[in-house]
C-alpha atoms as a PDB file:
ATOM      1  CA  MET A   1      62.571 240.102 -55.096  1.00  0.00           C
ATOM      2  CA  LYS A   2      63.720 236.796 -56.540  1.00  0.00           C
ATOM      3  CA  ALA A   3      67.452 236.472 -57.027  1.00  0.00           C
ATOM      4  CA  PRO A   4      68.528 234.982 -60.363  1.00  0.00           C
ATOM      5  CA  LEU A   5      69.841 231.425 -60.248  1.00  0.00           C
ATOM      6  CA  ALA A   6      73.143 232.504 -61.780  1.00  0.00           C
ATOM      7  CA  LEU A   7      73.973 234.446 -58.592  1.00  0.00           C
ATOM      8  CA  ALA A   8      73.816 231.379 -56.325  1.00  0.00           C
ATOM      9  CA  GLY A   9      76.670 231.478 -53.840  1.00  0.00           C
ATOM     10  CA  GLN A  10      77.647 235.038 -54.826  1.00  0.00           C
ATOM     11  CA  PRO A  11      77.197 238.397 -53.026  1.00  0.00           C
ATOM     12  CA  LEU A  12      74.137 240.453 -53.982  1.00  0.00           C
ATOM     13  CA  VAL A  13      74.527 244.210 -53.545  1.00  0.00           C
ATOM     14  CA  ASN A  14      71.446 246.446 -53.450  1.00  0.00           C
ATOM     15  CA  THR A  15      71.391 250.232 -53.026  1.00  0.00           C
ATOM     16  CA  ALA A  16      68.380 252.482 -52.340  1.00  0.00           C
ATOM     17  CA  THR A  17      68.440 256.285 -52.815  1.00  0.00           C
ATOM     18  CA  VAL A  18      65.918 258.929 -51.702  1.00  0.00           C
ATOM     19  CA  LYS A  19      65.472 262.434 -53.161  1.00  0.00           C
ATOM     20  CA  GLY A  20      62.992 265.237 -52.651  1.00  0.00           C
ATOM     21  CA  GLU A  21      62.145 268.617 -54.251  1.00  0.00           C
ATOM     22  CA  GLN A  22      63.588 270.597 -51.368  1.00  0.00           C
ATOM     23  CA  ALA A  23      67.238 270.875 -50.548  1.00  0.00           C
ATOM     24  CA  ASP A  24      68.451 268.193 -48.135  1.00  0.00           C
ATOM     25  CA  PRO A  25      70.807 269.572 -45.462  1.00  0.00           C
ATOM     26  CA  GLU A  26      72.090 266.056 -44.683  1.00  0.00           C
ATOM     27  CA  SER A  27      72.746 264.232 -47.942  1.00  0.00           C
ATOM     28  CA  LYS A  28      74.954 261.571 -46.377  1.00  0.00           C
ATOM     29  CA  ASN A  29      71.914 259.554 -45.283  1.00  0.00           C
ATOM     30  CA  ASP A  30      70.097 259.775 -48.626  1.00  0.00           C
ATOM     31  CA  GLN A  31      71.500 256.425 -49.715  1.00  0.00           C
ATOM     32  CA  SER A  32      71.675 252.980 -48.095  1.00  0.00           C
ATOM     33  CA  THR A  33      73.360 249.815 -49.338  1.00  0.00           C
ATOM     34  CA  VAL A  34      72.917 246.264 -48.158  1.00  0.00           C
ATOM     35  CA  THR A  35      74.939 243.216 -49.238  1.00  0.00           C
ATOM     36  CA  THR A  36      73.586 239.692 -48.962  1.00  0.00           C
ATOM     37  CA  THR A  37      74.959 236.379 -50.176  1.00  0.00           C
ATOM     38  CA  GLU A  38      72.701 234.250 -52.290  1.00  0.00           C
ATOM     39  CA  GLY A  39      72.566 230.667 -51.005  1.00  0.00           C
ATOM     40  CA  PRO A  40      73.903 227.772 -53.079  1.00  0.00           C
ATOM     41  CA  ALA A  41      71.768 225.863 -55.568  1.00  0.00           C
ATOM     42  CA  ALA A  42      72.632 222.670 -57.452  1.00  0.00           C
ATOM     43  CA  ASP A  43      70.633 221.346 -60.387  1.00  0.00           C
ATOM     44  CA  LEU A  44      71.235 217.595 -60.129  1.00  0.00           C
ATOM     45  CA  ALA A  45      70.144 215.347 -63.004  1.00  0.00           C
ATOM     46  CA  ILE A  46      70.139 211.592 -63.595  1.00  0.00           C
ATOM     47  CA  THR A  47      69.776 209.415 -66.684  1.00  0.00           C
ATOM     48  CA  LYS A  48      69.551 205.640 -66.703  1.00  0.00           C
ATOM     49  CA  ARG A  49      70.303 202.983 -69.307  1.00  0.00           C
ATOM     50  CA  MET A  50      69.801 199.234 -69.179  1.00  0.00           C
ATOM     51  CA  GLY A  51      71.478 196.351 -70.953  1.00  0.00           C
ATOM     52  CA  LYS A  52      69.742 193.391 -72.523  1.00  0.00           C
ATOM     53  CA  ALA A  53      67.480 191.564 -70.083  1.00  0.00           C
ATOM     54  CA  GLU A  54      67.605 187.778 -70.439  1.00  0.00           C
ATOM     55  CA  ALA A  55      65.891 185.369 -68.077  1.00  0.00           C
ATOM     56  CA  GLY A  56      68.375 183.643 -65.788  1.00  0.00           C
ATOM     57  CA  LYS A  57      71.276 185.945 -66.704  1.00  0.00           C
ATOM     58  CA  PRO A  58      72.936 189.114 -65.311  1.00  0.00           C
ATOM     59  CA  LEU A  59      71.577 192.526 -66.305  1.00  0.00           C
ATOM     60  CA  VAL A  60      73.539 195.788 -65.945  1.00  0.00           C
ATOM     61  CA  TYR A  61      71.959 199.184 -65.267  1.00  0.00           C
ATOM     62  CA  THR A  62      74.111 202.284 -65.878  1.00  0.00           C
ATOM     63  CA  LEU A  63      73.255 205.514 -64.028  1.00  0.00           C
ATOM     64  CA  ALA A  64      74.789 208.840 -65.099  1.00  0.00           C
ATOM     65  CA  ILE A  65      74.584 211.722 -62.608  1.00  0.00           C
ATOM     66  CA  THR A  66      75.350 215.340 -63.562  1.00  0.00           C
ATOM     67  CA  ASN A  67      75.448 218.580 -61.584  1.00  0.00           C
ATOM     68  CA  HIS A  68      74.316 221.446 -63.816  1.00  0.00           C
ATOM     69  CA  GLY A  69      75.161 223.933 -61.061  1.00  0.00           C
ATOM     70  CA  PRO A  70      75.547 226.758 -60.507  1.00  0.00           C
ATOM     71  CA  SER A  71      76.879 225.541 -57.122  1.00  0.00           C
ATOM     72  CA  ALA A  72      78.583 222.357 -56.019  1.00  0.00           C
ATOM     73  CA  SER A  73      76.477 219.708 -54.316  1.00  0.00           C
ATOM     74  CA  SER A  74      77.925 218.767 -50.953  1.00  0.00           C
ATOM     75  CA  ALA A  75      76.393 215.283 -50.681  1.00  0.00           C
ATOM     76  CA  VAL A  76      74.807 213.541 -53.661  1.00  0.00           C
ATOM     77  CA  THR A  77      72.520 210.585 -52.905  1.00  0.00           C
ATOM     78  CA  VAL A  78      71.245 208.150 -55.549  1.00  0.00           C
ATOM     79  CA  LYS A  79      68.467 205.651 -54.882  1.00  0.00           C
ATOM     80  CA  ASP A  80      67.386 202.813 -57.143  1.00  0.00           C
ATOM     81  CA  THR A  81      64.540 200.448 -56.298  1.00  0.00           C
ATOM     82  CA  LEU A  82      65.129 197.259 -58.274  1.00  0.00           C
ATOM     83  CA  PRO A  83      62.138 195.731 -60.059  1.00  0.00           C
ATOM     84  CA  ALA A  84      60.458 192.494 -59.034  1.00  0.00           C
ATOM     85  CA  GLY A  85      61.993 189.473 -60.708  1.00  0.00           C
ATOM     86  CA  THR A  86      65.560 190.693 -60.210  1.00  0.00           C
ATOM     87  CA  THR A  87      68.139 190.037 -57.490  1.00  0.00           C
ATOM     88  CA  PHE A  88      70.890 192.499 -56.555  1.00  0.00           C
ATOM     89  CA  LYS A  89      74.429 191.313 -57.282  1.00  0.00           C
ATOM     90  CA  SER A  90      76.751 194.341 -57.142  1.00  0.00           C
ATOM     91  CA  ALA A  91      77.039 198.122 -57.492  1.00  0.00           C
ATOM     92  CA  ALA A  92      80.145 199.983 -58.667  1.00  0.00           C
ATOM     93  CA  PRO A  93      80.171 203.809 -58.307  1.00  0.00           C
ATOM     94  CA  SER A  94      82.804 206.052 -59.898  1.00  0.00           C
ATOM     95  CA  GLN A  95      83.029 207.795 -56.511  1.00  0.00           C
ATOM     96  CA  GLY A  96      81.596 207.197 -53.047  1.00  0.00           C
ATOM     97  CA  THR A  97      79.959 203.975 -51.883  1.00  0.00           C
ATOM     98  CA  CYS A  98      76.829 201.922 -52.567  1.00  0.00           C
ATOM     99  CA  SER A  99      74.847 199.510 -50.413  1.00  0.00           C
ATOM    100  CA  ALA A 100      71.729 197.402 -50.893  1.00  0.00           C
ATOM    101  CA  SER A 101      68.867 196.602 -48.550  1.00  0.00           C
ATOM    102  CA  GLY A 102      66.308 194.286 -50.086  1.00  0.00           C
ATOM    103  CA  GLN A 103      65.414 195.708 -53.491  1.00  0.00           C
ATOM    104  CA  THR A 104      66.684 199.234 -52.700  1.00  0.00           C
ATOM    105  CA  VAL A 105      70.184 200.314 -53.716  1.00  0.00           C
ATOM    106  CA  THR A 106      71.486 203.519 -52.107  1.00  0.00           C
ATOM    107  CA  CYS A 107      74.672 205.260 -53.253  1.00  0.00           C
ATOM    108  CA  GLN A 108      76.348 208.059 -51.302  1.00  0.00           C
ATOM    109  CA  LEU A 109      78.490 209.781 -53.923  1.00  0.00           C
ATOM    110  CA  GLY A 110      79.766 212.651 -51.781  1.00  0.00           C
ATOM    111  CA  GLN A 111      80.558 216.066 -53.248  1.00  0.00           C
ATOM    112  CA  LEU A 112      79.949 216.824 -56.915  1.00  0.00           C
ATOM    113  CA  ALA A 113      81.290 220.058 -58.381  1.00  0.00           C
ATOM    114  CA  SER A 114      79.251 222.289 -60.657  1.00  0.00           C
ATOM    115  CA  GLY A 115      79.571 220.775 -64.122  1.00  0.00           C
ATOM    116  CA  GLY A 116      80.812 217.509 -62.640  1.00  0.00           C
ATOM    117  CA  SER A 117      79.465 214.035 -63.274  1.00  0.00           C
ATOM    118  CA  ALA A 118      79.532 210.559 -61.727  1.00  0.00           C
ATOM    119  CA  GLN A 119      78.432 207.080 -62.780  1.00  0.00           C
ATOM    120  CA  VAL A 120      77.046 204.012 -61.064  1.00  0.00           C
ATOM    121  CA  SER A 121      76.836 200.502 -62.572  1.00  0.00           C
ATOM    122  CA  ILE A 122      74.354 198.158 -60.915  1.00  0.00           C
ATOM    123  CA  THR A 123      74.316 194.449 -61.766  1.00  0.00           C
ATOM    124  CA  VAL A 124      71.275 192.285 -61.042  1.00  0.00           C
ATOM    125  CA  GLU A 125      70.320 188.703 -61.818  1.00  0.00           C
ATOM    126  CA  VAL A 126      67.099 188.294 -63.810  1.00  0.00           C
ATOM    127  CA  ALA A 127      64.935 185.441 -62.558  1.00  0.00           C
ATOM    128  CA  ALA A 128      64.933 182.362 -64.782  1.00  0.00           C
ATOM    129  CA  THR A 129      61.141 182.493 -64.815  1.00  0.00           C
ATOM    130  CA  ALA A 130      60.929 186.205 -65.730  1.00  0.00           C
ATOM    131  CA  THR A 131      58.733 187.146 -68.700  1.00  0.00           C
ATOM    132  CA  GLY A 132      57.250 190.275 -70.241  1.00  0.00           C
ATOM    133  CA  SER A 133      59.153 193.464 -69.434  1.00  0.00           C
ATOM    134  CA  ILE A 134      60.817 195.046 -66.407  1.00  0.00           C
ATOM    135  CA  ARG A 135      60.754 198.733 -65.461  1.00  0.00           C
ATOM    136  CA  ASN A 136      63.212 200.439 -63.160  1.00  0.00           C
ATOM    137  CA  VAL A 137      63.316 203.965 -61.683  1.00  0.00           C
ATOM    138  CA  ALA A 138      66.292 205.751 -60.115  1.00  0.00           C
ATOM    139  CA  SER A 139      66.464 209.174 -58.442  1.00  0.00           C
ATOM    140  CA  VAL A 140      69.096 211.675 -57.286  1.00  0.00           C
ATOM    141  CA  GLU A 141      69.016 214.369 -54.606  1.00  0.00           C
ATOM    142  CA  GLY A 142      71.276 216.657 -52.571  1.00  0.00           C
ATOM    143  CA  PRO A 143      70.976 218.967 -49.562  1.00  0.00           C
ATOM    144  CA  GLU A 144      71.144 222.174 -51.615  1.00  0.00           C
ATOM    145  CA  PRO A 145      67.994 223.607 -53.253  1.00  0.00           C
ATOM    146  CA  ASP A 146      67.450 222.147 -56.714  1.00  0.00           C
ATOM    147  CA  PRO A 147      65.989 224.679 -59.193  1.00  0.00           C
ATOM    148  CA  ASP A 148      64.835 221.970 -61.627  1.00  0.00           C
ATOM    149  CA  LYS A 149      63.429 218.801 -60.080  1.00  0.00           C
ATOM    150  CA  SER A 150      62.080 217.501 -63.392  1.00  0.00           C
ATOM    151  CA  ASN A 151      65.422 215.799 -64.114  1.00  0.00           C
ATOM    152  CA  ASN A 152      65.882 214.228 -60.655  1.00  0.00           C
ATOM    153  CA  GLU A 153      64.343 210.918 -61.758  1.00  0.00           C
ATOM    154  CA  SER A 154      64.933 208.564 -64.662  1.00  0.00           C
ATOM    155  CA  ALA A 155      63.072 205.401 -65.685  1.00  0.00           C
ATOM    156  CA  VAL A 156      63.916 202.630 -68.143  1.00  0.00           C
ATOM    157  CA  GLU A 157      61.869 199.679 -69.318  1.00  0.00           C
ATOM    158  CA  GLY A 158      62.791 196.774 -71.540  1.00  0.00           C
ATOM    159  CA  PRO A 159      61.572 193.340 -72.599  1.00  0.00           C
ATOM    160  CA  VAL A 160      62.854 190.151 -71.027  1.00  0.00           C
ATOM    161  CA  THR A 161      64.155 187.510 -73.416  1.00  0.00           C
ATOM    162  CA  PRO A 162      62.789 184.166 -72.152  1.00  0.00           C
ATOM    163  CA  ALA A 163      65.185 181.438 -71.129  1.00  0.00           C
ATOM    164  CA  PRO A 164      65.888 178.941 -73.932  1.00  0.00           C
ATOM    165  CA  PRO A 165      64.101 175.598 -73.739  1.00  0.00           C
ATOM    166  CA  GLY A 166      65.771 172.876 -71.709  1.00  0.00           C
ATOM    167  CA  GLY A 167      68.691 171.120 -73.317  1.00  0.00           C
ATOM    168  CA  ALA A 168      69.475 167.424 -73.479  1.00  0.00           C
ATOM    169  CA  PRO A 169      71.422 164.994 -71.281  1.00  0.00           C
ATOM    170  CA  ASN A 170      74.875 163.892 -72.374  1.00  0.00           C
ATOM    171  CA  LEU A 171      75.686 160.528 -70.802  1.00  0.00           C
ATOM    172  CA  LYS A 172      79.183 159.171 -70.624  1.00  0.00           C
ATOM    173  CA  VAL A 173      80.434 155.770 -69.460  1.00  0.00           C
ATOM    174  CA  VAL A 174      84.017 154.905 -68.562  1.00  0.00           C
ATOM    175  CA  LYS A 175      85.042 151.337 -67.742  1.00  0.00           C
ATOM    176  CA  THR A 176      88.318 150.350 -66.128  1.00  0.00           C
ATOM    177  CA  ALA A 177      89.815 147.136 -64.703  1.00  0.00           C
ATOM    178  CA  ASP A 178      92.000 146.904 -61.616  1.00  0.00           C
ATOM    179  CA  THR A 179      94.547 144.871 -63.587  1.00  0.00           C
ATOM    180  CA  SER A 180      95.734 144.816 -67.146  1.00  0.00           C
ATOM    181  CA  THR A 181      97.062 141.230 -66.870  1.00  0.00           C
ATOM    182  CA  PRO A 182      94.385 139.024 -65.289  1.00  0.00           C
ATOM    183  CA  GLN A 183      95.441 135.521 -64.303  1.00  0.00           C
ATOM    184  CA  ILE A 184      93.430 132.326 -64.567  1.00  0.00           C
ATOM    185  CA  GLY A 185      91.645 131.585 -61.330  1.00  0.00           C
ATOM    186  CA  VAL A 186      92.470 134.971 -59.739  1.00  0.00           C
ATOM    187  CA  PRO A 187      89.474 137.373 -59.291  1.00  0.00           C
ATOM    188  CA  PHE A 188      89.725 140.943 -60.502  1.00  0.00           C
ATOM    189  CA  ASN A 189      87.318 143.912 -60.634  1.00  0.00           C
ATOM    190  CA  TYR A 190      85.788 146.143 -63.285  1.00  0.00           C
ATOM    191  CA  ASP A 191      84.788 149.751 -62.393  1.00  0.00           C
ATOM    192  CA  VAL A 192      81.975 151.330 -64.432  1.00  0.00           C
ATOM    193  CA  ALA A 193      81.563 155.144 -64.010  1.00  0.00           C
ATOM    194  CA  ILE A 194      78.575 156.969 -65.516  1.00  0.00           C
ATOM    195  CA  SER A 195      78.354 160.785 -65.741  1.00  0.00           C
ATOM    196  CA  ASN A 196      75.998 163.353 -67.294  1.00  0.00           C
ATOM    197  CA  SER A 197      77.666 166.460 -68.733  1.00  0.00           C
ATOM    198  CA  GLY A 198      74.497 167.723 -70.453  1.00  0.00           C
ATOM    199  CA  ASP A 199      72.214 170.593 -69.385  1.00  0.00           C
ATOM    200  CA  ASP A 200      69.201 168.428 -68.531  1.00  0.00           C
ATOM    201  CA  ASP A 201      68.546 165.479 -66.242  1.00  0.00           C
ATOM    202  CA  ALA A 202      68.861 161.954 -67.615  1.00  0.00           C
ATOM    203  CA  LYS A 203      65.913 159.786 -66.612  1.00  0.00           C
ATOM    204  CA  ASN A 204      65.589 155.998 -66.349  1.00  0.00           C
ATOM    205  CA  VAL A 205      69.300 155.456 -66.954  1.00  0.00           C
ATOM    206  CA  LYS A 206      70.177 151.829 -67.670  1.00  0.00           C
ATOM    207  CA  VAL A 207      73.645 150.300 -67.798  1.00  0.00           C
ATOM    208  CA  VAL A 208      74.312 147.002 -69.650  1.00  0.00           C
ATOM    209  CA  ASP A 209      77.692 145.320 -69.247  1.00  0.00           C
ATOM    210  CA  THR A 210      78.333 142.345 -71.534  1.00  0.00           C
ATOM    211  CA  LEU A 211      81.202 140.172 -70.361  1.00  0.00           C
ATOM    212  CA  ASN A 212      83.411 138.239 -72.706  1.00  0.00           C
ATOM    213  CA  GLY A 213      82.574 134.563 -72.153  1.00  0.00           C
ATOM    214  CA  ARG A 214      85.871 133.158 -73.357  1.00  0.00           C
END
């Protein structure tokens, strides 16, 4: 027989009885009962959401993990293989720990009660040269049998907003003298400092300093 999922982790009592047409002189052995305990089962599920993907900027993935029961899961593991064109920055689980090796993020969330939930936020950096769209898949599993594996994986895909075109240089010049009261016949120095506070390189920079001839 197949035990119903609702009995996971609970005792299962089964009794068999035998009867015949003739009288039975020993009726005490006409019935036998056996009790077994149904093993645990945990229906783990995962859903994944992604923020806005912009080239050269951070992107946050949010993973929601739920245990639909009927039993607790003793050790929930989440794996997320990051897509090409992204670089792992951090992972913050609501319980347990996360680590990254290359493009694979693994989170050991520990025990999750029946009806319980957990969340993981993963931050990546989108490559400045990224274009098109990026797709990401995450999965969840536990040591207990899972009666519904169709919800053990979740995928998201979204477009990448290209990086804005390069900006412009912003040159600045500051001139100072080593004295505010120069004297006739005594040398003094001018200091000319040039800086670029813009978001692009300044090319062929030329400085012209016109001295007062008086």
